[in-house]
C-alpha atoms as a PDB file:
ATOM      1  CA  MET A   1       0.016   0.302   0.099  1.00  0.00           C
ATOM      2  CA  ILE A   2       2.273   3.003   0.901  1.00  0.00           C
ATOM      3  CA  ASN A   3       6.065   1.047   1.273  1.00  0.00           C
ATOM      4  CA  ALA A   4       4.631  -2.536   0.538  1.00  0.00           C
ATOM      5  CA  THR A   5       3.382  -3.504  -3.181  1.00  0.00           C
ATOM      6  CA  ALA A   6       2.918  -5.939  -5.173  1.00  0.00           C
ATOM      7  CA  LEU A   7       3.843  -4.816  -8.560  1.00  0.00           C
ATOM      8  CA  ARG A   8       7.116  -3.005  -6.822  1.00  0.00           C
ATOM      9  CA  PRO A   9      10.227  -5.810  -7.714  1.00  0.00           C
ATOM     10  CA  VAL A  10      12.183  -6.544  -4.708  1.00  0.00           C
ATOM     11  CA  SER A  11      16.036  -5.628  -4.808  1.00  0.00           C
ATOM     12  CA  ALA A  12      18.982  -5.587  -2.787  1.00  0.00           C
ATOM     13  CA  GLU A  13      18.946  -2.110  -2.086  1.00  0.00           C
ATOM     14  CA  ASN A  14      15.452  -2.048  -0.407  1.00  0.00           C
ATOM     15  CA  MET A  15      15.699  -5.561   1.181  1.00  0.00           C
ATOM     16  CA  ASN A  16      17.039  -4.376   5.007  1.00  0.00           C
ATOM     17  CA  VAL A  17      15.562  -3.767   8.367  1.00  0.00           C
ATOM     18  CA  VAL A  18      13.787  -6.926   8.333  1.00  0.00           C
ATOM     19  CA  SER A  19      13.524 -10.303   9.851  1.00  0.00           C
ATOM     20  CA  ASN A  20      14.278 -13.374   8.378  1.00  0.00           C
ATOM     21  CA  VAL A  21      11.453 -15.940   8.205  1.00  0.00           C
ATOM     22  CA  SER A  22      12.777 -18.231   5.450  1.00  0.00           C
ATOM     23  CA  ASN A  23       9.970 -20.780   4.983  1.00  0.00           C
ATOM     24  CA  VAL A  24       9.414 -22.373   1.866  1.00  0.00           C
ATOM     25  CA  LEU A  25       5.866 -23.303   0.973  1.00  0.00           C
ATOM     26  CA  THR A  26       4.662 -25.060  -1.986  1.00  0.00           C
ATOM     27  CA  LYS A  27       2.083 -27.482  -1.298  1.00  0.00           C
ATOM     28  CA  SER A  28       0.252 -28.150  -4.247  1.00  0.00           C
ATOM     29  CA  SER A  29       0.451 -25.544  -6.919  1.00  0.00           C
ATOM     30  CA  GLN A  30       2.288 -22.732  -5.149  1.00  0.00           C
ATOM     31  CA  ASN A  31       5.323 -21.430  -5.800  1.00  0.00           C
ATOM     32  CA  ILE A  32       6.195 -18.805  -2.835  1.00  0.00           C
ATOM     33  CA  LYS A  33       8.656 -18.469  -0.278  1.00  0.00           C
ATOM     34  CA  ILE A  34       8.544 -16.050   2.630  1.00  0.00           C
ATOM     35  CA  GLU A  35      11.778 -14.662   2.624  1.00  0.00           C
ATOM     36  CA  TYR A  36      12.005 -11.263   5.146  1.00  0.00           C
ATOM     37  CA  SER A  37       9.071 -10.178   7.295  1.00  0.00           C
ATOM     38  CA  LYS A  38       9.276  -6.471   8.814  1.00  0.00           C
ATOM     39  CA  GLN A  39       7.520  -6.090  12.047  1.00  0.00           C
ATOM     40  CA  ALA A  40       4.798  -4.388  12.043  1.00  0.00           C
ATOM     41  CA  ASP A  41       4.907  -1.500  13.761  1.00  0.00           C
ATOM     42  CA  LEU A  42       3.000  -1.411  17.139  1.00  0.00           C
ATOM     43  CA  VAL A  43       0.754   1.173  17.706  1.00  0.00           C
ATOM     44  CA  PRO A  44      -0.954   2.146  20.934  1.00  0.00           C
ATOM     45  CA  PRO A  45      -4.428   0.453  21.143  1.00  0.00           C
ATOM     46  CA  ALA A  46      -5.892   4.406  21.172  1.00  0.00           C
ATOM     47  CA  VAL A  47      -4.000   5.027  17.631  1.00  0.00           C
ATOM     48  CA  GLU A  48      -5.398   0.843  16.865  1.00  0.00           C
ATOM     49  CA  ARG A  49      -9.206   2.330  17.422  1.00  0.00           C
ATOM     50  CA  LEU A  50      -8.621   5.271  15.906  1.00  0.00           C
ATOM     51  CA  ALA A  51      -7.386   3.721  12.634  1.00  0.00           C
ATOM     52  CA  LEU A  52     -11.109   1.278  12.652  1.00  0.00           C
ATOM     53  CA  ARG A  53     -12.726   4.113  12.951  1.00  0.00           C
ATOM     54  CA  MET A  54     -11.381   5.964  10.042  1.00  0.00           C
ATOM     55  CA  LEU A  55     -12.181   2.114   8.186  1.00  0.00           C
ATOM     56  CA  LYS A  56     -16.171   1.913   9.220  1.00  0.00           C
ATOM     57  CA  LEU A  57     -15.898   5.684   8.134  1.00  0.00           C
ATOM     58  CA  ASP A  58     -14.251   5.090   4.786  1.00  0.00           C
ATOM     59  CA  ALA A  59     -17.356   6.454   2.232  1.00  0.00           C
ATOM     60  CA  GLU A  60     -17.833   9.237   4.200  1.00  0.00           C
ATOM     61  CA  ILE A  61     -14.084  10.570   4.763  1.00  0.00           C
ATOM     62  CA  ARG A  62     -12.690   9.814   1.465  1.00  0.00           C
ATOM     63  CA  GLY A  63     -13.015  13.291   0.208  1.00  0.00           C
ATOM     64  CA  PHE A  64     -11.592  14.796   3.470  1.00  0.00           C
ATOM     65  CA  LEU A  65      -8.626  12.841   3.417  1.00  0.00           C
ATOM     66  CA  ASN A  66      -8.077  13.432  -0.174  1.00  0.00           C
ATOM     67  CA  GLU A  67      -8.022  17.171   0.754  1.00  0.00           C
ATOM     68  CA  LEU A  68      -5.599  16.707   3.898  1.00  0.00           C
ATOM     69  CA  ARG A  69      -2.980  14.820   1.652  1.00  0.00           C
ATOM     70  CA  ILE A  70      -3.211  17.648  -0.632  1.00  0.00           C
ATOM     71  CA  LEU A  71      -2.414  20.171   1.869  1.00  0.00           C
ATOM     72  CA  PHE A  72       0.578  17.637   3.429  1.00  0.00           C
ATOM     73  CA  GLY A  73       2.142  17.209   0.403  1.00  0.00           C
ATOM     74  CA  ALA A  74       1.779  21.041  -0.138  1.00  0.00           C
ATOM     75  CA  LYS A  75       3.430  21.380   3.854  1.00  0.00           C
ATOM     76  CA  ARG A  76       0.449  23.740   4.435  1.00  0.00           C
ATOM     77  CA  GLU A  77      -1.068  23.229   7.734  1.00  0.00           C
ATOM     78  CA  ASP A  78      -4.696  25.481   7.749  1.00  0.00           C
ATOM     79  CA  PHE A  79      -7.892  23.316   5.958  1.00  0.00           C
ATOM     80  CA  HIS A  80     -11.158  24.899   5.507  1.00  0.00           C
ATOM     81  CA  PHE A  81     -13.475  22.055   4.181  1.00  0.00           C
ATOM     82  CA  SER A  82     -17.017  22.131   3.182  1.00  0.00           C
ATOM     83  CA  LEU A  83     -19.734  19.203   4.349  1.00  0.00           C
ATOM     84  CA  ARG A  84     -22.240  21.118   2.718  1.00  0.00           C
ATOM     85  CA  GLY A  85     -23.901  17.928   0.744  1.00  0.00           C
ATOM     86  CA  VAL A  86     -22.617  15.346   3.542  1.00  0.00           C
ATOM     87  CA  SER A  87     -25.106  13.275   5.505  1.00  0.00           C
ATOM     88  CA  ASN A  88     -25.865  14.440   9.084  1.00  0.00           C
ATOM     89  CA  GLU A  89     -24.423  11.051  10.263  1.00  0.00           C
ATOM     90  CA  GLY A  90     -21.307  11.640   7.742  1.00  0.00           C
ATOM     91  CA  LYS A  91     -20.910  15.081   9.617  1.00  0.00           C
ATOM     92  CA  ALA A  92     -21.171  14.288  13.022  1.00  0.00           C
ATOM     93  CA  GLY A  93     -18.752  11.387  11.948  1.00  0.00           C
ATOM     94  CA  ILE A  94     -16.178  13.695  10.082  1.00  0.00           C
ATOM     95  CA  ILE A  95     -16.122  15.992  13.152  1.00  0.00           C
ATOM     96  CA  ASP A  96     -15.699  13.664  16.013  1.00  0.00           C
ATOM     97  CA  LEU A  97     -13.149  12.093  14.157  1.00  0.00           C
ATOM     98  CA  CYS A  98     -11.123  15.194  13.563  1.00  0.00           C
ATOM     99  CA  GLN A  99     -11.500  16.400  17.083  1.00  0.00           C
ATOM    100  CA  ASN A 100     -10.272  13.059  18.115  1.00  0.00           C
ATOM    101  CA  LEU A 101      -7.043  13.062  15.793  1.00  0.00           C
ATOM    102  CA  TYR A 102      -4.679  14.169  18.348  1.00  0.00           C
ATOM    103  CA  GLY A 103      -1.042  14.734  17.065  1.00  0.00           C
ATOM    104  CA  VAL A 104      -2.770  14.852  13.658  1.00  0.00           C
ATOM    105  CA  ILE A 105      -4.858  17.794  13.871  1.00  0.00           C
ATOM    106  CA  ALA A 106      -5.564  20.648  15.852  1.00  0.00           C
ATOM    107  CA  GLU A 107      -7.885  23.723  16.737  1.00  0.00           C
ATOM    108  CA  VAL A 108     -11.150  21.916  14.786  1.00  0.00           C
ATOM    109  CA  ARG A 109     -13.881  24.262  14.552  1.00  0.00           C
ATOM    110  CA  TYR A 110     -16.994  23.829  12.470  1.00  0.00           C
ATOM    111  CA  CYS A 111     -19.127  26.586  11.460  1.00  0.00           C
ATOM    112  CA  GLU A 112     -22.696  25.022  11.366  1.00  0.00           C
ATOM    113  CA  ASP A 113     -24.369  28.392   9.103  1.00  0.00           C
ATOM    114  CA  CYS A 114     -21.308  27.751   6.357  1.00  0.00           C
ATOM    115  CA  GLU A 115     -21.137  24.000   7.460  1.00  0.00           C
ATOM    116  CA  MET A 116     -17.191  24.645   7.187  1.00  0.00           C
ATOM    117  CA  ILE A 117     -14.773  22.652   9.274  1.00  0.00           C
ATOM    118  CA  HIS A 118     -11.732  24.568   9.757  1.00  0.00           C
ATOM    119  CA  GLY A 119      -8.391  22.839  11.535  1.00  0.00           C
ATOM    120  CA  ARG A 120      -4.808  22.905  11.480  1.00  0.00           C
ATOM    121  CA  LEU A 121      -2.816  19.846  10.529  1.00  0.00           C
ATOM    122  CA  VAL A 122       0.331  18.631  12.081  1.00  0.00           C
ATOM    123  CA  LEU A 123       3.122  18.300   9.442  1.00  0.00           C
ATOM    124  CA  SER A 124       5.084  15.698  11.541  1.00  0.00           C
ATOM    125  CA  PRO A 125       6.224  12.430   9.207  1.00  0.00           C
ATOM    126  CA  LYS A 126       4.060   9.943  10.918  1.00  0.00           C
ATOM    127  CA  ALA A 127       0.938  12.330  10.679  1.00  0.00           C
ATOM    128  CA  LEU A 128       1.476  12.536   7.304  1.00  0.00           C
ATOM    129  CA  MET A 129       2.002   8.733   7.025  1.00  0.00           C
ATOM    130  CA  PHE A 130      -1.349   7.941   8.924  1.00  0.00           C
ATOM    131  CA  ILE A 131      -3.304  10.321   6.703  1.00  0.00           C
ATOM    132  CA  ASN A 132      -1.545   8.741   3.378  1.00  0.00           C
ATOM    133  CA  GLY A 133      -3.023   5.262   4.094  1.00  0.00           C
ATOM    134  CA  GLN A 134      -1.139   3.880   6.950  1.00  0.00           C
ATOM    135  CA  TYR A 135      -4.398   3.661   9.308  1.00  0.00           C
ATOM    136  CA  MET A 136      -5.884   1.084   6.987  1.00  0.00           C
ATOM    137  CA  GLU A 137      -2.841  -0.796   7.049  1.00  0.00           C
ATOM    138  CA  ILE A 138      -3.128  -0.470  10.898  1.00  0.00           C
ATOM    139  CA  ALA A 139      -7.327  -1.175  10.459  1.00  0.00           C
ATOM    140  CA  ILE A 140      -7.412  -4.196   7.961  1.00  0.00           C
ATOM    141  CA  ARG A 141      -4.465  -6.058  10.003  1.00  0.00           C
ATOM    142  CA  LYS A 142      -6.657  -5.828  12.835  1.00  0.00           C
ATOM    143  CA  VAL A 143      -9.248  -6.668  11.046  1.00  0.00           C
ATOM    144  CA  VAL A 144      -7.656  -9.659   9.534  1.00  0.00           C
ATOM    145  CA  GLY A 145      -5.829 -10.897  12.423  1.00  0.00           C
ATOM    146  CA  ASP A 146      -9.855 -11.413  14.436  1.00  0.00           C
ATOM    147  CA  VAL A 147     -10.687 -13.165  11.736  1.00  0.00           C
ATOM    148  CA  LEU A 148      -7.848 -15.837  11.880  1.00  0.00           C
ATOM    149  CA  THR A 149      -8.404 -15.941  15.535  1.00  0.00           C
ATOM    150  CA  LYS A 150     -11.885 -16.922  15.281  1.00  0.00           C
ATOM    151  CA  LEU A 151     -10.880 -19.716  12.027  1.00  0.00           C
ATOM    152  CA  GLU A 152      -8.517 -21.438  14.337  1.00  0.00           C
ATOM    153  CA  LYS A 153     -10.848 -21.722  17.157  1.00  0.00           C
ATOM    154  CA  LYS A 154     -13.396 -23.166  14.418  1.00  0.00           C
ATOM    155  CA  TYR A 155     -11.076 -25.449  12.457  1.00  0.00           C
ATOM    156  CA  GLY A 156      -8.048 -26.573  14.967  1.00  0.00           C
ATOM    157  CA  LYS A 157      -5.883 -24.497  12.455  1.00  0.00           C
ATOM    158  CA  GLN A 158      -2.775 -22.328  12.928  1.00  0.00           C
ATOM    159  CA  PHE A 159      -2.253 -19.015  11.041  1.00  0.00           C
ATOM    160  CA  LYS A 160       0.484 -16.770  11.096  1.00  0.00           C
ATOM    161  CA  LEU A 161      -0.045 -12.710   9.930  1.00  0.00           C
ATOM    162  CA  TYR A 162       3.065 -10.954   8.242  1.00  0.00           C
ATOM    163  CA  ALA A 163       3.062  -7.123   7.361  1.00  0.00           C
ATOM    164  CA  ASN A 164       4.757  -5.879   4.996  1.00  0.00           C
ATOM    165  CA  THR A 165       6.101  -9.112   3.493  1.00  0.00           C
ATOM    166  CA  LYS A 166       9.025  -9.748   0.903  1.00  0.00           C
ATOM    167  CA  VAL A 167       8.672 -13.193  -1.147  1.00  0.00           C
ATOM    168  CA  ALA A 168       9.922 -15.037  -3.850  1.00  0.00           C
ATOM    169  CA  THR A 169       9.274 -17.748  -6.032  1.00  0.00           C
ATOM    170  CA  VAL A 170      11.027 -21.417  -5.339  1.00  0.00           C
ATOM    171  CA  ASP A 171      13.742 -20.797  -7.828  1.00  0.00           C
ATOM    172  CA  GLY A 172      14.356 -16.997  -6.602  1.00  0.00           C
ATOM    173  CA  LYS A 173      13.541 -15.617  -9.812  1.00  0.00           C
ATOM    174  CA  LEU A 174      11.118 -13.364  -9.131  1.00  0.00           C
ATOM    175  CA  LYS A 175      10.601 -11.604  -6.279  1.00  0.00           C
ATOM    176  CA  ASN A 176       8.329  -9.175  -4.830  1.00  0.00           C
ATOM    177  CA  GLU A 177       6.605  -7.142  -1.623  1.00  0.00           C
ATOM    178  CA  PHE A 178       3.282  -7.586  -0.037  1.00  0.00           C
ATOM    179  CA  ASP A 179       1.132  -5.654   2.448  1.00  0.00           C
ATOM    180  CA  LEU A 180       0.010  -8.842   4.260  1.00  0.00           C
ATOM    181  CA  ILE A 181       0.820 -12.220   4.551  1.00  0.00           C
ATOM    182  CA  ILE A 182      -1.368 -15.485   5.771  1.00  0.00           C
ATOM    183  CA  GLU A 183       0.682 -18.549   6.568  1.00  0.00           C
ATOM    184  CA  ASN A 184      -1.533 -21.854   7.314  1.00  0.00           C
ATOM    185  CA  VAL A 185       0.990 -23.370   9.398  1.00  0.00           C
ATOM    186  CA  THR A 186      -0.858 -26.630   9.497  1.00  0.00           C
ATOM    187  CA  ASP A 187      -1.729 -27.012   5.664  1.00  0.00           C
ATOM    188  CA  ALA A 188       1.693 -25.220   5.125  1.00  0.00           C
ATOM    189  CA  LEU A 189      -0.223 -22.765   2.620  1.00  0.00           C
ATOM    190  CA  VAL A 190       0.210 -19.072   1.728  1.00  0.00           C
ATOM    191  CA  TYR A 191      -2.266 -16.313   1.247  1.00  0.00           C
ATOM    192  CA  VAL A 192      -1.795 -12.717   0.151  1.00  0.00           C
ATOM    193  CA  ILE A 193      -3.920  -9.293   0.858  1.00  0.00           C
ATOM    194  CA  GLU A 194      -2.841  -6.826  -1.248  1.00  0.00           C
ATOM    195  CA  ILE A 195      -4.291  -2.958  -0.127  1.00  0.00           C
ATOM    196  CA  LYS A 196      -4.816   0.058  -2.238  1.00  0.00           C
ATOM    197  CA  SER A 197      -6.521   2.825  -0.846  1.00  0.00           C
ATOM    198  CA  GLY A 198      -7.486   5.313  -3.539  1.00  0.00           C
ATOM    199  CA  LYS A 199      -8.463   5.245  -6.634  1.00  0.00           C
ATOM    200  CA  GLN A 200      -5.723   5.015  -9.044  1.00  0.00           C
ATOM    201  CA  PHE A 201      -5.217   1.442  -9.156  1.00  0.00           C
ATOM    202  CA  ARG A 202      -5.864   0.040 -12.011  1.00  0.00           C
ATOM    203  CA  ASP A 203      -3.481  -3.238 -12.669  1.00  0.00           C
ATOM    204  CA  TYR A 204      -5.316  -5.649 -11.643  1.00  0.00           C
ATOM    205  CA  ASP A 205      -4.165  -7.999 -14.784  1.00  0.00           C
ATOM    206  CA  LYS A 206      -0.555  -7.597 -13.597  1.00  0.00           C
ATOM    207  CA  LEU A 207      -1.179  -8.363 -10.314  1.00  0.00           C
ATOM    208  CA  ALA A 208      -3.369 -11.416 -11.696  1.00  0.00           C
ATOM    209  CA  ARG A 209      -0.113 -12.409 -13.719  1.00  0.00           C
ATOM    210  CA  ILE A 210       2.213 -12.080 -10.608  1.00  0.00           C
ATOM    211  CA  GLY A 211      -0.096 -14.236  -8.541  1.00  0.00           C
ATOM    212  CA  ARG A 212      -0.174 -17.160 -10.835  1.00  0.00           C
ATOM    213  CA  GLU A 213       3.543 -16.690 -10.777  1.00  0.00           C
ATOM    214  CA  TYR A 214       3.432 -17.478  -7.478  1.00  0.00           C
ATOM    215  CA  GLY A 215       0.952 -19.873  -7.887  1.00  0.00           C
ATOM    216  CA  ILE A 216      -1.988 -17.704  -5.156  1.00  0.00           C
ATOM    217  CA  VAL A 217      -4.421 -17.313  -8.155  1.00  0.00           C
ATOM    218  CA  PRO A 218      -6.580 -18.729  -8.709  1.00  0.00           C
ATOM    219  CA  ASN A 219      -8.739 -18.388  -5.019  1.00  0.00           C
ATOM    220  CA  ARG A 220      -5.795 -17.230  -2.182  1.00  0.00           C
ATOM    221  CA  LEU A 221      -4.629 -13.535  -3.238  1.00  0.00           C
ATOM    222  CA  LEU A 222      -7.101 -11.032  -1.913  1.00  0.00           C
ATOM    223  CA  LEU A 223      -7.180  -7.144  -3.285  1.00  0.00           C
ATOM    224  CA  VAL A 224      -8.683  -4.552  -0.758  1.00  0.00           C
ATOM    225  CA  GLN A 225      -9.309  -1.560  -2.713  1.00  0.00           C
ATOM    226  CA  ASN A 226     -11.884   1.041  -1.284  1.00  0.00           C
ATOM    227  CA  TYR A 227     -13.077   2.614  -3.942  1.00  0.00           C
ATOM    228  CA  LEU A 228     -14.452  -0.670  -5.952  1.00  0.00           C
ATOM    229  CA  THR A 229     -18.357  -0.986  -6.297  1.00  0.00           C
ATOM    230  CA  THR A 230     -19.656  -4.329  -5.980  1.00  0.00           C
ATOM    231  CA  GLU A 231     -20.466  -4.142 -10.054  1.00  0.00           C
ATOM    232  CA  GLN A 232     -16.527  -3.452 -10.246  1.00  0.00           C
ATOM    233  CA  MET A 233     -15.454  -6.305  -7.825  1.00  0.00           C
ATOM    234  CA  GLU A 234     -17.643  -9.279  -9.209  1.00  0.00           C
ATOM    235  CA  THR A 235     -15.898  -7.965 -13.236  1.00  0.00           C
ATOM    236  CA  VAL A 236     -12.426  -8.049 -11.847  1.00  0.00           C
ATOM    237  CA  GLU A 237     -12.590 -11.167  -9.945  1.00  0.00           C
ATOM    238  CA  TYR A 238     -14.705 -13.089 -13.092  1.00  0.00           C
ATOM    239  CA  PHE A 239     -11.513 -11.671 -15.188  1.00  0.00           C
ATOM    240  CA  CYS A 240      -9.160 -12.233 -12.963  1.00  0.00           C
ATOM    241  CA  GLU A 241      -9.190 -14.702 -10.655  1.00  0.00           C
ATOM    242  CA  TYR A 242      -8.534 -13.474  -7.654  1.00  0.00           C
ATOM    243  CA  TYR A 243     -10.826 -12.209  -4.494  1.00  0.00           C
ATOM    244  CA  CYS A 244     -11.674  -8.329  -4.434  1.00  0.00           C
ATOM    245  CA  ALA A 245     -13.231  -6.537  -1.200  1.00  0.00           C
ATOM    246  CA  ASN A 246     -14.443  -3.181  -0.265  1.00  0.00           C
ATOM    247  CA  LEU A 247     -15.160  -1.283   3.170  1.00  0.00           C
ATOM    248  CA  GLU A 248     -18.765  -1.116   2.561  1.00  0.00           C
ATOM    249  CA  GLN A 249     -20.283  -3.389   5.866  1.00  0.00           C
ATOM    250  CA  ASP A 250     -18.518  -7.124   6.215  1.00  0.00           C
ATOM    251  CA  ASN A 251     -17.252  -7.011   3.060  1.00  0.00           C
ATOM    252  CA  LEU A 252     -13.613  -7.545   3.486  1.00  0.00           C
ATOM    253  CA  GLU A 253     -14.338  -9.973   6.838  1.00  0.00           C
ATOM    254  CA  HIS A 254     -16.873 -11.604   4.275  1.00  0.00           C
ATOM    255  CA  LYS A 255     -14.250 -12.177   1.349  1.00  0.00           C
ATOM    256  CA  LEU A 256     -11.009 -12.887   3.360  1.00  0.00           C
ATOM    257  CA  ILE A 257     -13.633 -16.046   5.439  1.00  0.00           C
ATOM    258  CA  THR A 258     -14.506 -17.022   1.753  1.00  0.00           C
ATOM    259  CA  MET A 259     -11.161 -17.550   0.706  1.00  0.00           C
ATOM    260  CA  LEU A 260      -9.586 -19.138   3.343  1.00  0.00           C
ATOM    261  CA  GLN A 261     -12.748 -21.496   3.673  1.00  0.00           C
ATOM    262  CA  ASN A 262     -11.357 -23.434   0.298  1.00  0.00           C
ATOM    263  CA  ASP A 263      -8.916 -24.848   2.077  1.00  0.00           C
ATOM    264  CA  LEU A 264     -10.823 -25.350   5.644  1.00  0.00           C
END
């Protein structure tokens, strides 16, 4: 997503500050080994809860977050964002979120008459990373971890979850980095989750080709993209043969469980 993308080859230059995992998983048609996995950045429980709230508010806050990203890029602190046309529930969610983004946004004010929210950005590297999409990685990692815990109890399997993981084909000729890797330790299977926050991603076919090289397409690759509609997800799933999820309701959990239950 931010530092991890399935479409960026891994070179010797960017293969550092990671822990050696070195599991080779070749069951069935899989051709993938986990080489290194960055230790997931530990965040305080309050930050994780904040990220989960933002995930649930995704449809309402997309436009607002895009504006903040532009301001971060221009190094402009003050923002003035119109909430005209946003539902009352959406307005309440955005205002409450801004008031609780301590260390990211300060001096929040809302003008009911003009329906404008004003504030000041904290131009720090961590705040920028969080707004640029790290919040989605943190929240989705939590959602995936909770699902794996439930499936472990239900099926008696052991799963491991890796973040920002470098993988390679067994012969080492192809190397890539993915946002999340699930290892079914019991059955020696690997599943990949790639996260895209924004509507710029269009390389669905390239992701499918890479997935086939690793033997995770079909059925063991999940793309999470918050801008995908139901029709778009169905089309990509049909032609590219991997799972797609957006952030509406329980779509992410449903697609994740469906993917994993194929092998349980």
